[in-house]
């Protein structure tokens, strides 16, 4: 298990380096989805479409009045708000 945690942390850190993003966010992959980033009344939305054309919408985070978007090659990372449960992986020796 320890190796899996170390590999996950290294992969996550590599992902942020790939996009040139110093921030760290929970990551959800949606490489299977079609997407768009429309704006309405100065609010940006990340809209994902699945194979059945069902859609999911998320509010995109904005910085300096622009959606927080990182692009590199064939991939784009959009920082958006998704209310989800988050799993925290902790080291037992850090417990107080």
PDB file of N, CA and C in Angstrom:
ATOM      1  N   UNK A   1       0.833  -1.197   0.000  1.00  0.00           N
ATOM      2  CA  UNK A   1       0.000   0.000   0.000  1.00  0.00           C
ATOM      3  C   UNK A   1       0.872   1.253   0.000  1.00  0.00           C
ATOM      4  N   UNK A   2       1.967   1.228   0.769  1.00  0.00           N
ATOM      5  CA  UNK A   2       2.823   2.406   0.842  1.00  0.00           C
ATOM      6  C   UNK A   2       3.339   2.795  -0.538  1.00  0.00           C
ATOM      7  N   UNK A   3       3.704   1.802  -1.353  1.00  0.00           N
ATOM      8  CA  UNK A   3       4.186   2.079  -2.710  1.00  0.00           C
ATOM      9  C   UNK A   3       3.077   2.713  -3.546  1.00  0.00           C
ATOM     10  N   UNK A   4       1.839   2.256  -3.400  1.00  0.00           N
ATOM     11  CA  UNK A   4       0.713   2.827  -4.154  1.00  0.00           C
ATOM     12  C   UNK A   4       0.507   4.290  -3.787  1.00  0.00           C
ATOM     13  N   UNK A   5       0.634   4.621  -2.502  1.00  0.00           N
ATOM     14  CA  UNK A   5       0.470   6.012  -2.066  1.00  0.00           C
ATOM     15  C   UNK A   5       1.581   6.875  -2.645  1.00  0.00           C
ATOM     16  N   UNK A   6       2.812   6.409  -2.562  1.00  0.00           N
ATOM     17  CA  UNK A   6       3.946   7.166  -3.103  1.00  0.00           C
ATOM     18  C   UNK A   6       3.807   7.370  -4.615  1.00  0.00           C
ATOM     19  N   UNK A   7       3.366   6.337  -5.334  1.00  0.00           N
ATOM     20  CA  UNK A   7       3.174   6.443  -6.786  1.00  0.00           C
ATOM     21  C   UNK A   7       2.063   7.435  -7.113  1.00  0.00           C
ATOM     22  N   UNK A   8       0.969   7.422  -6.325  1.00  0.00           N
ATOM     23  CA  UNK A   8      -0.126   8.368  -6.549  1.00  0.00           C
ATOM     24  C   UNK A   8       0.352   9.804  -6.358  1.00  0.00           C
ATOM     25  N   UNK A   9       1.085  10.048  -5.268  1.00  0.00           N
ATOM     26  CA  UNK A   9       1.583  11.402  -4.986  1.00  0.00           C
ATOM     27  C   UNK A   9       2.511  11.861  -6.102  1.00  0.00           C
ATOM     28  N   UNK A  10       3.401  10.992  -6.569  1.00  0.00           N
ATOM     29  CA  UNK A  10       4.322  11.350  -7.652  1.00  0.00           C
ATOM     30  C   UNK A  10       3.561  11.641  -8.944  1.00  0.00           C
ATOM     31  N   UNK A  11       2.549  10.834  -9.248  1.00  0.00           N
ATOM     32  CA  UNK A  11       1.754  11.060 -10.467  1.00  0.00           C
ATOM     33  C   UNK A  11       0.973  12.363 -10.373  1.00  0.00           C
ATOM     34  N   UNK A  12       0.373  12.640  -9.214  1.00  0.00           N
ATOM     35  CA  UNK A  12      -0.374  13.885  -9.027  1.00  0.00           C
ATOM     36  C   UNK A  12       0.545  15.089  -9.189  1.00  0.00           C
ATOM     37  N   UNK A  13       1.711  15.034  -8.552  1.00  0.00           N
ATOM     38  CA  UNK A  13       2.664  16.136  -8.666  1.00  0.00           C
ATOM     39  C   UNK A  13       3.130  16.309 -10.104  1.00  0.00           C
ATOM     40  N   UNK A  14       3.331  15.200 -10.811  1.00  0.00           N
ATOM     41  CA  UNK A  14       3.718  15.259 -12.222  1.00  0.00           C
ATOM     42  C   UNK A  14       2.631  15.895 -13.077  1.00  0.00           C
ATOM     43  N   UNK A  15       1.375  15.637 -12.749  1.00  0.00           N
ATOM     44  CA  UNK A  15       0.254  16.227 -13.486  1.00  0.00           C
ATOM     45  C   UNK A  15       0.277  17.746 -13.366  1.00  0.00           C
ATOM     46  N   UNK A  16       0.472  18.253 -12.156  1.00  0.00           N
ATOM     47  CA  UNK A  16       0.510  19.707 -11.973  1.00  0.00           C
ATOM     48  C   UNK A  16       1.731  20.332 -12.635  1.00  0.00           C
ATOM     49  N   UNK A  17       2.875  19.624 -12.629  1.00  0.00           N
ATOM     50  CA  UNK A  17       4.045  20.133 -13.356  1.00  0.00           C
ATOM     51  C   UNK A  17       3.759  20.174 -14.852  1.00  0.00           C
ATOM     52  N   UNK A  18       3.084  19.144 -15.384  1.00  0.00           N
ATOM     53  CA  UNK A  18       2.733  19.077 -16.805  1.00  0.00           C
ATOM     54  C   UNK A  18       1.943  20.310 -17.231  1.00  0.00           C
ATOM     55  N   UNK A  19       0.995  20.724 -16.395  1.00  0.00           N
ATOM     56  CA  UNK A  19       0.164  21.885 -16.716  1.00  0.00           C
ATOM     57  C   UNK A  19       0.785  23.199 -16.239  1.00  0.00           C
ATOM     58  N   UNK A  20       1.946  23.154 -15.602  1.00  0.00           N
ATOM     59  CA  UNK A  20       2.586  24.368 -15.122  1.00  0.00           C
ATOM     60  C   UNK A  20       1.777  25.045 -14.031  1.00  0.00           C
ATOM     61  N   UNK A  21       1.153  24.241 -13.211  1.00  0.00           N
ATOM     62  CA  UNK A  21       0.239  24.735 -12.181  1.00  0.00           C
ATOM     63  C   UNK A  21       0.820  24.402 -10.815  1.00  0.00           C
ATOM     64  N   UNK A  22       1.139  25.417 -10.029  1.00  0.00           N
ATOM     65  CA  UNK A  22       1.711  25.194  -8.707  1.00  0.00           C
ATOM     66  C   UNK A  22       0.645  24.813  -7.685  1.00  0.00           C
ATOM     67  N   UNK A  23      -0.606  25.072  -7.996  1.00  0.00           N
ATOM     68  CA  UNK A  23      -1.697  24.777  -7.057  1.00  0.00           C
ATOM     69  C   UNK A  23      -1.941  23.274  -7.000  1.00  0.00           C
ATOM     70  N   UNK A  24      -2.590  22.852  -5.949  1.00  0.00           N
ATOM     71  CA  UNK A  24      -2.974  21.445  -5.837  1.00  0.00           C
ATOM     72  C   UNK A  24      -4.459  21.366  -5.556  1.00  0.00           C
ATOM     73  N   UNK A  25      -5.140  20.627  -6.367  1.00  0.00           N
ATOM     74  CA  UNK A  25      -6.584  20.448  -6.266  1.00  0.00           C
ATOM     75  C   UNK A  25      -6.889  18.965  -6.335  1.00  0.00           C
ATOM     76  N   UNK A  26      -8.016  18.540  -5.789  1.00  0.00           N
ATOM     77  CA  UNK A  26      -8.456  17.172  -6.085  1.00  0.00           C
ATOM     78  C   UNK A  26      -8.633  17.072  -7.604  1.00  0.00           C
ATOM     79  N   UNK A  27      -8.307  15.935  -8.163  1.00  0.00           N
ATOM     80  CA  UNK A  27      -8.336  15.781  -9.617  1.00  0.00           C
ATOM     81  C   UNK A  27      -9.386  14.753 -10.008  1.00  0.00           C
ATOM     82  N   UNK A  28     -10.199  15.097 -10.967  1.00  0.00           N
ATOM     83  CA  UNK A  28     -11.185  14.178 -11.534  1.00  0.00           C
ATOM     84  C   UNK A  28     -10.917  14.108 -13.024  1.00  0.00           C
ATOM     85  N   UNK A  29     -10.723  12.935 -13.559  1.00  0.00           N
ATOM     86  CA  UNK A  29     -10.489  12.818 -14.996  1.00  0.00           C
ATOM     87  C   UNK A  29     -11.819  12.738 -15.722  1.00  0.00           C
ATOM     88  N   UNK A  30     -11.869  13.378 -16.856  1.00  0.00           N
ATOM     89  CA  UNK A  30     -13.066  13.345 -17.699  1.00  0.00           C
ATOM     90  C   UNK A  30     -12.626  13.340 -19.162  1.00  0.00           C
ATOM     91  N   UNK A  31     -11.560  12.615 -19.447  1.00  0.00           N
ATOM     92  CA  UNK A  31     -11.010  12.608 -20.805  1.00  0.00           C
ATOM     93  C   UNK A  31     -11.953  11.951 -21.808  1.00  0.00           C
ATOM     94  N   UNK A  32     -12.953  11.238 -21.335  1.00  0.00           N
ATOM     95  CA  UNK A  32     -13.936  10.589 -22.199  1.00  0.00           C
ATOM     96  C   UNK A  32     -15.029  11.560 -22.661  1.00  0.00           C
ATOM     97  N   UNK A  33     -15.150  12.704 -21.989  1.00  0.00           N
ATOM     98  CA  UNK A  33     -16.292  13.599 -22.195  1.00  0.00           C
ATOM     99  C   UNK A  33     -16.013  14.685 -23.226  1.00  0.00           C
ATOM    100  N   UNK A  34     -17.046  15.103 -23.911  1.00  0.00           N
ATOM    101  CA  UNK A  34     -17.014  16.346 -24.684  1.00  0.00           C
ATOM    102  C   UNK A  34     -17.285  17.452 -23.680  1.00  0.00           C
ATOM    103  N   UNK A  35     -16.785  18.653 -23.949  1.00  0.00           N
ATOM    104  CA  UNK A  35     -16.953  19.704 -22.948  1.00  0.00           C
ATOM    105  C   UNK A  35     -17.011  21.071 -23.592  1.00  0.00           C
ATOM    106  N   UNK A  36     -17.510  22.031 -22.815  1.00  0.00           N
ATOM    107  CA  UNK A  36     -17.485  23.433 -23.219  1.00  0.00           C
ATOM    108  C   UNK A  36     -17.382  24.283 -21.968  1.00  0.00           C
ATOM    109  N   UNK A  37     -17.018  25.556 -22.164  1.00  0.00           N
ATOM    110  CA  UNK A  37     -16.820  26.466 -21.049  1.00  0.00           C
ATOM    111  C   UNK A  37     -17.549  27.780 -21.332  1.00  0.00           C
ATOM    112  N   UNK A  38     -18.898  27.740 -21.302  1.00  0.00           N
ATOM    113  CA  UNK A  38     -19.660  28.963 -21.593  1.00  0.00           C
ATOM    114  C   UNK A  38     -19.642  29.925 -20.408  1.00  0.00           C
ATOM    115  N   UNK A  39     -19.956  31.173 -20.700  1.00  0.00           N
ATOM    116  CA  UNK A  39     -20.035  32.196 -19.666  1.00  0.00           C
ATOM    117  C   UNK A  39     -21.414  32.823 -19.712  1.00  0.00           C
ATOM    118  N   UNK A  40     -21.988  33.066 -18.523  1.00  0.00           N
ATOM    119  CA  UNK A  40     -23.287  33.710 -18.435  1.00  0.00           C
ATOM    120  C   UNK A  40     -23.253  34.676 -17.265  1.00  0.00           C
ATOM    121  N   UNK A  41     -23.501  35.924 -17.539  1.00  0.00           N
ATOM    122  CA  UNK A  41     -23.526  36.964 -16.517  1.00  0.00           C
ATOM    123  C   UNK A  41     -22.253  36.954 -15.676  1.00  0.00           C
ATOM    124  N   UNK A  42     -21.105  36.901 -16.341  1.00  0.00           N
ATOM    125  CA  UNK A  42     -19.782  36.939 -15.731  1.00  0.00           C
ATOM    126  C   UNK A  42     -19.491  35.734 -14.835  1.00  0.00           C
ATOM    127  N   UNK A  43     -20.178  34.617 -15.069  1.00  0.00           N
ATOM    128  CA  UNK A  43     -19.907  33.359 -14.379  1.00  0.00           C
ATOM    129  C   UNK A  43     -19.610  32.323 -15.455  1.00  0.00           C
ATOM    130  N   UNK A  44     -18.499  31.603 -15.294  1.00  0.00           N
ATOM    131  CA  UNK A  44     -18.137  30.558 -16.254  1.00  0.00           C
ATOM    132  C   UNK A  44     -18.571  29.206 -15.717  1.00  0.00           C
ATOM    133  N   UNK A  45     -18.981  28.336 -16.619  1.00  0.00           N
ATOM    134  CA  UNK A  45     -19.423  26.998 -16.263  1.00  0.00           C
ATOM    135  C   UNK A  45     -18.633  25.983 -17.069  1.00  0.00           C
ATOM    136  N   UNK A  46     -18.218  24.906 -16.422  1.00  0.00           N
ATOM    137  CA  UNK A  46     -17.658  23.767 -17.122  1.00  0.00           C
ATOM    138  C   UNK A  46     -18.816  22.815 -17.362  1.00  0.00           C
ATOM    139  N   UNK A  47     -19.095  22.523 -18.619  1.00  0.00           N
ATOM    140  CA  UNK A  47     -20.197  21.630 -18.973  1.00  0.00           C
ATOM    141  C   UNK A  47     -19.595  20.390 -19.616  1.00  0.00           C
ATOM    142  N   UNK A  48     -19.894  19.213 -19.043  1.00  0.00           N
ATOM    143  CA  UNK A  48     -19.419  17.936 -19.565  1.00  0.00           C
ATOM    144  C   UNK A  48     -20.586  17.167 -20.161  1.00  0.00           C
ATOM    145  N   UNK A  49     -20.344  16.525 -21.292  1.00  0.00           N
ATOM    146  CA  UNK A  49     -21.355  15.701 -21.962  1.00  0.00           C
ATOM    147  C   UNK A  49     -20.830  14.275 -22.028  1.00  0.00           C
ATOM    148  N   UNK A  50     -21.654  13.305 -21.638  1.00  0.00           N
ATOM    149  CA  UNK A  50     -21.229  11.911 -21.759  1.00  0.00           C
ATOM    150  C   UNK A  50     -21.683  11.345 -23.099  1.00  0.00           C
ATOM    151  N   UNK A  51     -21.464  10.058 -23.317  1.00  0.00           N
ATOM    152  CA  UNK A  51     -21.788   9.426 -24.600  1.00  0.00           C
ATOM    153  C   UNK A  51     -23.269   9.523 -24.943  1.00  0.00           C
ATOM    154  N   UNK A  52     -24.146   9.555 -23.944  1.00  0.00           N
ATOM    155  CA  UNK A  52     -25.590   9.664 -24.176  1.00  0.00           C
ATOM    156  C   UNK A  52     -26.035  11.123 -24.256  1.00  0.00           C
ATOM    157  N   UNK A  53     -25.085  12.032 -24.289  1.00  0.00           N
ATOM    158  CA  UNK A  53     -25.321  13.474 -24.373  1.00  0.00           C
ATOM    159  C   UNK A  53     -25.962  14.046 -23.109  1.00  0.00           C
ATOM    160  N   UNK A  54     -25.894  13.302 -22.001  1.00  0.00           N
ATOM    161  CA  UNK A  54     -26.324  13.863 -20.715  1.00  0.00           C
ATOM    162  C   UNK A  54     -25.257  14.856 -20.285  1.00  0.00           C
ATOM    163  N   UNK A  55     -25.673  15.877 -19.566  1.00  0.00           N
ATOM    164  CA  UNK A  55     -24.712  16.906 -19.200  1.00  0.00           C
ATOM    165  C   UNK A  55     -24.596  17.082 -17.697  1.00  0.00           C
ATOM    166  N   UNK A  56     -23.389  17.431 -17.283  1.00  0.00           N
ATOM    167  CA  UNK A  56     -23.096  17.798 -15.911  1.00  0.00           C
ATOM    168  C   UNK A  56     -22.520  19.202 -15.971  1.00  0.00           C
ATOM    169  N   UNK A  57     -22.919  20.058 -15.034  1.00  0.00           N
ATOM    170  CA  UNK A  57     -22.422  21.432 -15.020  1.00  0.00           C
ATOM    171  C   UNK A  57     -21.748  21.736 -13.695  1.00  0.00           C
ATOM    172  N   UNK A  58     -20.647  22.474 -13.793  1.00  0.00           N
ATOM    173  CA  UNK A  58     -19.876  22.882 -12.634  1.00  0.00           C
ATOM    174  C   UNK A  58     -19.533  24.360 -12.789  1.00  0.00           C
ATOM    175  N   UNK A  59     -19.445  25.075 -11.693  1.00  0.00           N
ATOM    176  CA  UNK A  59     -19.039  26.475 -11.742  1.00  0.00           C
ATOM    177  C   UNK A  59     -17.515  26.507 -11.832  1.00  0.00           C
ATOM    178  N   UNK A  60     -16.999  27.169 -12.851  1.00  0.00           N
ATOM    179  CA  UNK A  60     -15.552  27.276 -13.030  1.00  0.00           C
ATOM    180  C   UNK A  60     -15.012  28.347 -12.089  1.00  0.00           C
ATOM    181  N   UNK A  61     -13.882  28.062 -11.485  1.00  0.00           N
ATOM    182  CA  UNK A  61     -13.215  29.025 -10.614  1.00  0.00           C
ATOM    183  C   UNK A  61     -12.601  30.108 -11.490  1.00  0.00           C
ATOM    184  N   UNK A  62     -12.724  31.349 -11.046  1.00  0.00           N
ATOM    185  CA  UNK A  62     -12.186  32.474 -11.813  1.00  0.00           C
ATOM    186  C   UNK A  62     -11.070  33.141 -11.028  1.00  0.00           C
ATOM    187  N   UNK A  63     -10.080  33.619 -11.765  1.00  0.00           N
ATOM    188  CA  UNK A  63      -8.980  34.381 -11.183  1.00  0.00           C
ATOM    189  C   UNK A  63      -8.676  35.523 -12.133  1.00  0.00           C
ATOM    190  N   UNK A  64      -8.604  36.728 -11.601  1.00  0.00           N
ATOM    191  CA  UNK A  64      -8.368  37.913 -12.427  1.00  0.00           C
ATOM    192  C   UNK A  64      -9.400  37.985 -13.558  1.00  0.00           C
ATOM    193  N   UNK A  65     -10.654  37.687 -13.205  1.00  0.00           N
ATOM    194  CA  UNK A  65     -11.812  37.782 -14.094  1.00  0.00           C
ATOM    195  C   UNK A  65     -11.776  36.820 -15.285  1.00  0.00           C
ATOM    196  N   UNK A  66     -11.005  35.739 -15.177  1.00  0.00           N
ATOM    197  CA  UNK A  66     -10.962  34.716 -16.228  1.00  0.00           C
ATOM    198  C   UNK A  66     -11.085  33.344 -15.579  1.00  0.00           C
ATOM    199  N   UNK A  67     -11.691  32.376 -16.290  1.00  0.00           N
ATOM    200  CA  UNK A  67     -11.744  31.023 -15.721  1.00  0.00           C
ATOM    201  C   UNK A  67     -10.329  30.470 -15.552  1.00  0.00           C
ATOM    202  N   UNK A  68     -10.118  29.700 -14.510  1.00  0.00           N
ATOM    203  CA  UNK A  68      -8.822  29.107 -14.230  1.00  0.00           C
ATOM    204  C   UNK A  68      -8.651  27.875 -15.111  1.00  0.00           C
ATOM    205  N   UNK A  69      -7.942  28.054 -16.219  1.00  0.00           N
ATOM    206  CA  UNK A  69      -7.768  27.027 -17.238  1.00  0.00           C
ATOM    207  C   UNK A  69      -6.281  26.875 -17.527  1.00  0.00           C
ATOM    208  N   UNK A  70      -5.830  25.632 -17.565  1.00  0.00           N
ATOM    209  CA  UNK A  70      -4.442  25.325 -17.900  1.00  0.00           C
ATOM    210  C   UNK A  70      -4.460  24.402 -19.113  1.00  0.00           C
ATOM    211  N   UNK A  71      -3.719  24.767 -20.161  1.00  0.00           N
ATOM    212  CA  UNK A  71      -3.671  23.952 -21.381  1.00  0.00           C
ATOM    213  C   UNK A  71      -2.243  23.515 -21.648  1.00  0.00           C
ATOM    214  N   UNK A  72      -2.121  22.286 -22.146  1.00  0.00           N
ATOM    215  CA  UNK A  72      -0.818  21.777 -22.565  1.00  0.00           C
ATOM    216  C   UNK A  72      -1.053  20.675 -23.584  1.00  0.00           C
ATOM    217  N   UNK A  73      -0.570  20.884 -24.789  1.00  0.00           N
ATOM    218  CA  UNK A  73      -0.707  19.865 -25.827  1.00  0.00           C
ATOM    219  C   UNK A  73      -2.160  19.527 -26.095  1.00  0.00           C
ATOM    220  N   UNK A  74      -2.497  18.250 -25.988  1.00  0.00           N
ATOM    221  CA  UNK A  74      -3.848  17.771 -26.282  1.00  0.00           C
ATOM    222  C   UNK A  74      -4.781  17.820 -25.074  1.00  0.00           C
ATOM    223  N   UNK A  75      -4.332  18.393 -23.964  1.00  0.00           N
ATOM    224  CA  UNK A  75      -5.125  18.351 -22.739  1.00  0.00           C
ATOM    225  C   UNK A  75      -5.363  19.741 -22.155  1.00  0.00           C
ATOM    226  N   UNK A  76      -6.500  19.874 -21.475  1.00  0.00           N
ATOM    227  CA  UNK A  76      -6.863  21.093 -20.757  1.00  0.00           C
ATOM    228  C   UNK A  76      -7.291  20.696 -19.354  1.00  0.00           C
ATOM    229  N   UNK A  77      -6.860  21.477 -18.362  1.00  0.00           N
ATOM    230  CA  UNK A  77      -7.314  21.276 -16.991  1.00  0.00           C
ATOM    231  C   UNK A  77      -8.081  22.527 -16.588  1.00  0.00           C
ATOM    232  N   UNK A  78      -9.339  22.349 -16.187  1.00  0.00           N
ATOM    233  CA  UNK A  78     -10.188  23.450 -15.744  1.00  0.00           C
ATOM    234  C   UNK A  78     -10.431  23.258 -14.252  1.00  0.00           C
ATOM    235  N   UNK A  79     -10.231  24.315 -13.481  1.00  0.00           N
ATOM    236  CA  UNK A  79     -10.497  24.250 -12.046  1.00  0.00           C
ATOM    237  C   UNK A  79     -11.948  24.684 -11.842  1.00  0.00           C
ATOM    238  N   UNK A  80     -12.750  23.781 -11.304  1.00  0.00           N
ATOM    239  CA  UNK A  80     -14.182  24.043 -11.130  1.00  0.00           C
ATOM    240  C   UNK A  80     -14.628  23.518  -9.770  1.00  0.00           C
ATOM    241  N   UNK A  81     -15.787  23.955  -9.342  1.00  0.00           N
ATOM    242  CA  UNK A  81     -16.324  23.563  -8.042  1.00  0.00           C
ATOM    243  C   UNK A  81     -17.212  22.337  -8.217  1.00  0.00           C
ATOM    244  N   UNK A  82     -16.860  21.285  -7.510  1.00  0.00           N
ATOM    245  CA  UNK A  82     -17.608  20.029  -7.534  1.00  0.00           C
ATOM    246  C   UNK A  82     -17.749  19.586  -6.084  1.00  0.00           C
ATOM    247  N   UNK A  83     -18.938  19.673  -5.547  1.00  0.00           N
ATOM    248  CA  UNK A  83     -19.158  19.304  -4.141  1.00  0.00           C
ATOM    249  C   UNK A  83     -19.147  17.791  -4.023  1.00  0.00           C
ATOM    250  N   UNK A  84     -18.046  17.269  -3.518  1.00  0.00           N
ATOM    251  CA  UNK A  84     -17.886  15.822  -3.388  1.00  0.00           C
ATOM    252  C   UNK A  84     -17.242  15.498  -2.055  1.00  0.00           C
ATOM    253  N   UNK A  85     -17.384  14.270  -1.648  1.00  0.00           N
ATOM    254  CA  UNK A  85     -16.637  13.783  -0.499  1.00  0.00           C
ATOM    255  C   UNK A  85     -15.184  13.635  -0.945  1.00  0.00           C
ATOM    256  N   UNK A  86     -14.261  13.939  -0.058  1.00  0.00           N
ATOM    257  CA  UNK A  86     -12.848  13.853  -0.388  1.00  0.00           C
ATOM    258  C   UNK A  86     -12.185  12.851   0.536  1.00  0.00           C
ATOM    259  N   UNK A  87     -11.365  11.965  -0.017  1.00  0.00           N
ATOM    260  CA  UNK A  87     -10.606  11.012   0.783  1.00  0.00           C
ATOM    261  C   UNK A  87      -9.255  11.633   1.109  1.00  0.00           C
ATOM    262  N   UNK A  88      -8.902  11.641   2.374  1.00  0.00           N
ATOM    263  CA  UNK A  88      -7.603  12.130   2.813  1.00  0.00           C
ATOM    264  C   UNK A  88      -6.736  10.939   3.156  1.00  0.00           C
ATOM    265  N   UNK A  89      -5.566  10.807   2.550  1.00  0.00           N
ATOM    266  CA  UNK A  89      -4.623   9.742   2.880  1.00  0.00           C
ATOM    267  C   UNK A  89      -3.564  10.354   3.790  1.00  0.00           C
ATOM    268  N   UNK A  90      -3.468   9.805   5.008  1.00  0.00           N
ATOM    269  CA  UNK A  90      -2.605  10.385   6.038  1.00  0.00           C
ATOM    270  C   UNK A  90      -1.599   9.361   6.526  1.00  0.00           C
ATOM    271  N   UNK A  91      -0.473   9.861   7.031  1.00  0.00           N
ATOM    272  CA  UNK A  91       0.509   8.981   7.654  1.00  0.00           C
ATOM    273  C   UNK A  91       0.135   8.793   9.114  1.00  0.00           C
ATOM    274  N   UNK A  92       0.112   7.551   9.592  1.00  0.00           N
ATOM    275  CA  UNK A  92      -0.283   7.283  10.958  1.00  0.00           C
ATOM    276  C   UNK A  92       0.617   7.987  11.966  1.00  0.00           C
ATOM    277  N   UNK A  93       1.882   8.163  11.653  1.00  0.00           N
ATOM    278  CA  UNK A  93       2.807   8.799  12.590  1.00  0.00           C
ATOM    279  C   UNK A  93       2.516  10.282  12.781  1.00  0.00           C
ATOM    280  N   UNK A  94       1.658  10.869  11.921  1.00  0.00           N
ATOM    281  CA  UNK A  94       1.302  12.271  12.045  1.00  0.00           C
ATOM    282  C   UNK A  94       0.102  12.514  12.925  1.00  0.00           C
ATOM    283  N   UNK A  95      -0.516  11.448  13.435  1.00  0.00           N
ATOM    284  CA  UNK A  95      -1.728  11.623  14.260  1.00  0.00           C
ATOM    285  C   UNK A  95      -1.371  12.254  15.600  1.00  0.00           C
ATOM    286  N   UNK A  96      -2.205  13.210  16.049  1.00  0.00           N
ATOM    287  CA  UNK A  96      -1.967  13.884  17.333  1.00  0.00           C
ATOM    288  C   UNK A  96      -2.974  13.434  18.360  1.00  0.00           C
TER     289      UNK A  96
END
